[in-house]
Amino acid sequence: MDFELDKRQQELREKFRSVAASTVAEHARRHDKDASVPTEMMEVLHKAGLFKLCAPVELGGNGSSFVSTQQQLAVDSKATRAAP
């Protein structure tokens, strides 16, 4: 099975890395400490397209594969773990 990312998947990964580095990480520590839900992040992630990764293109989604979606979740997960 080939898990290499194609050009589109690599572009999506970089987009989410940028979003994660610039916004997710800075809020993660506070939300972990307060056991709160990062509602302000929902709009940021929505605008970045995270919530439509696996939705078909014909329904307004990105039509991403399972592998590509897992890559984006891994990026987000790493950003929150890296919060000081």
C-alpha atoms as a PDB file:
ATOM      1  CA  MET A   1       0.000   0.000   0.000  1.00  0.00           C
ATOM      2  CA  ASP A   2       1.385   3.413  -0.993  1.00  0.00           C
ATOM      3  CA  PHE A   3       1.237   6.048   1.744  1.00  0.00           C
ATOM      4  CA  GLU A   4       3.210   8.669  -0.159  1.00  0.00           C
ATOM      5  CA  LEU A   5       1.372  11.989  -0.362  1.00  0.00           C
ATOM      6  CA  ASP A   6       0.582  13.427  -3.765  1.00  0.00           C
ATOM      7  CA  LYS A   7       1.132  17.113  -4.520  1.00  0.00           C
ATOM      8  CA  ARG A   8      -2.380  18.129  -3.400  1.00  0.00           C
ATOM      9  CA  GLN A   9      -2.043  16.208  -0.141  1.00  0.00           C
ATOM     10  CA  GLN A  10       1.352  17.796   0.503  1.00  0.00           C
ATOM     11  CA  GLU A  11      -0.144  21.255  -0.074  1.00  0.00           C
ATOM     12  CA  LEU A  12      -2.965  20.505   2.371  1.00  0.00           C
ATOM     13  CA  ARG A  13      -0.462  19.222   4.938  1.00  0.00           C
ATOM     14  CA  GLU A  14       1.559  22.436   4.678  1.00  0.00           C
ATOM     15  CA  LYS A  15      -1.593  24.553   4.946  1.00  0.00           C
ATOM     16  CA  PHE A  16      -2.600  22.809   8.151  1.00  0.00           C
ATOM     17  CA  ARG A  17       0.931  22.962   9.541  1.00  0.00           C
ATOM     18  CA  SER A  18       0.803  26.710   9.108  1.00  0.00           C
ATOM     19  CA  VAL A  19      -2.613  26.997  10.771  1.00  0.00           C
ATOM     20  CA  ALA A  20      -1.567  24.698  13.601  1.00  0.00           C
ATOM     21  CA  ALA A  21       1.675  26.553  14.242  1.00  0.00           C
ATOM     22  CA  SER A  22       0.082  29.984  14.169  1.00  0.00           C
ATOM     23  CA  THR A  23      -3.097  29.347  16.145  1.00  0.00           C
ATOM     24  CA  VAL A  24      -3.678  25.908  17.609  1.00  0.00           C
ATOM     25  CA  ALA A  25      -0.483  25.687  19.645  1.00  0.00           C
ATOM     26  CA  GLU A  26      -0.940  29.067  21.296  1.00  0.00           C
ATOM     27  CA  HIS A  27      -4.359  28.114  22.674  1.00  0.00           C
ATOM     28  CA  ALA A  28      -3.699  24.482  23.568  1.00  0.00           C
ATOM     29  CA  ARG A  29      -1.993  25.048  26.911  1.00  0.00           C
ATOM     30  CA  ARG A  30      -4.736  27.320  28.245  1.00  0.00           C
ATOM     31  CA  HIS A  31      -7.511  24.969  27.174  1.00  0.00           C
ATOM     32  CA  ASP A  32      -5.709  21.969  28.658  1.00  0.00           C
ATOM     33  CA  LYS A  33      -5.231  23.821  31.949  1.00  0.00           C
ATOM     34  CA  ASP A  34      -8.828  25.063  32.083  1.00  0.00           C
ATOM     35  CA  ALA A  35     -10.343  21.847  30.673  1.00  0.00           C
ATOM     36  CA  SER A  36     -12.222  24.094  28.280  1.00  0.00           C
ATOM     37  CA  VAL A  37     -13.357  23.730  24.689  1.00  0.00           C
ATOM     38  CA  PRO A  38     -11.434  25.886  22.198  1.00  0.00           C
ATOM     39  CA  THR A  39     -14.511  27.406  20.546  1.00  0.00           C
ATOM     40  CA  GLU A  40     -12.475  30.254  19.046  1.00  0.00           C
ATOM     41  CA  MET A  41     -10.454  27.632  17.200  1.00  0.00           C
ATOM     42  CA  MET A  42     -13.525  26.131  15.540  1.00  0.00           C
ATOM     43  CA  GLU A  43     -13.871  29.141  13.224  1.00  0.00           C
ATOM     44  CA  VAL A  44     -10.148  29.108  12.374  1.00  0.00           C
ATOM     45  CA  LEU A  45     -10.223  25.388  11.593  1.00  0.00           C
ATOM     46  CA  HIS A  46     -13.452  25.773   9.636  1.00  0.00           C
ATOM     47  CA  LYS A  47     -11.965  28.557   7.472  1.00  0.00           C
ATOM     48  CA  ALA A  48      -8.866  26.417   6.897  1.00  0.00           C
ATOM     49  CA  GLY A  49     -11.097  23.625   5.575  1.00  0.00           C
ATOM     50  CA  LEU A  50     -10.413  21.048   8.268  1.00  0.00           C
ATOM     51  CA  PHE A  51     -14.066  20.132   8.723  1.00  0.00           C
ATOM     52  CA  LYS A  52     -14.601  19.336   5.061  1.00  0.00           C
ATOM     53  CA  LEU A  53     -11.549  17.208   4.345  1.00  0.00           C
ATOM     54  CA  CYS A  54     -13.348  13.920   3.696  1.00  0.00           C
ATOM     55  CA  ALA A  55     -16.532  15.378   2.238  1.00  0.00           C
ATOM     56  CA  PRO A  56     -16.899  14.814  -1.501  1.00  0.00           C
ATOM     57  CA  VAL A  57     -16.020  17.755  -3.749  1.00  0.00           C
ATOM     58  CA  GLU A  58     -19.525  17.727  -5.236  1.00  0.00           C
ATOM     59  CA  LEU A  59     -20.878  18.450  -1.743  1.00  0.00           C
ATOM     60  CA  GLY A  60     -18.436  21.305  -1.114  1.00  0.00           C
ATOM     61  CA  GLY A  61     -15.695  19.290   0.510  1.00  0.00           C
ATOM     62  CA  ASN A  62     -12.056  18.707  -0.310  1.00  0.00           C
ATOM     63  CA  GLY A  63     -12.564  15.072  -1.285  1.00  0.00           C
ATOM     64  CA  SER A  64      -9.464  14.087   0.658  1.00  0.00           C
ATOM     65  CA  SER A  65      -8.491  10.512   1.239  1.00  0.00           C
ATOM     66  CA  PHE A  66      -8.294   8.823   4.611  1.00  0.00           C
ATOM     67  CA  VAL A  67      -4.484   9.071   4.491  1.00  0.00           C
ATOM     68  CA  SER A  68      -4.600  12.797   3.801  1.00  0.00           C
ATOM     69  CA  THR A  69      -7.103  13.364   6.603  1.00  0.00           C
ATOM     70  CA  GLN A  70      -4.930  11.407   9.014  1.00  0.00           C
ATOM     71  CA  GLN A  71      -1.974  13.600   8.038  1.00  0.00           C
ATOM     72  CA  GLN A  72      -3.920  16.757   8.934  1.00  0.00           C
ATOM     73  CA  LEU A  73      -5.016  15.316  12.269  1.00  0.00           C
ATOM     74  CA  ALA A  74      -1.431  14.326  13.026  1.00  0.00           C
ATOM     75  CA  VAL A  75      -0.257  17.869  12.298  1.00  0.00           C
ATOM     76  CA  ASP A  76      -2.903  19.290  14.634  1.00  0.00           C
ATOM     77  CA  SER A  77      -2.049  16.752  17.305  1.00  0.00           C
ATOM     78  CA  LYS A  78       1.665  17.592  17.132  1.00  0.00           C
ATOM     79  CA  ALA A  79       0.882  21.308  17.410  1.00  0.00           C
ATOM     80  CA  THR A  80      -1.111  20.844  20.586  1.00  0.00           C
ATOM     81  CA  ARG A  81       1.532  18.566  22.136  1.00  0.00           C
ATOM     82  CA  ALA A  82       4.216  21.120  21.353  1.00  0.00           C
ATOM     83  CA  ALA A  83       2.488  23.889  23.299  1.00  0.00           C
ATOM     84  CA  PRO A  84       4.743  25.169  26.089  1.00  0.00           C
END
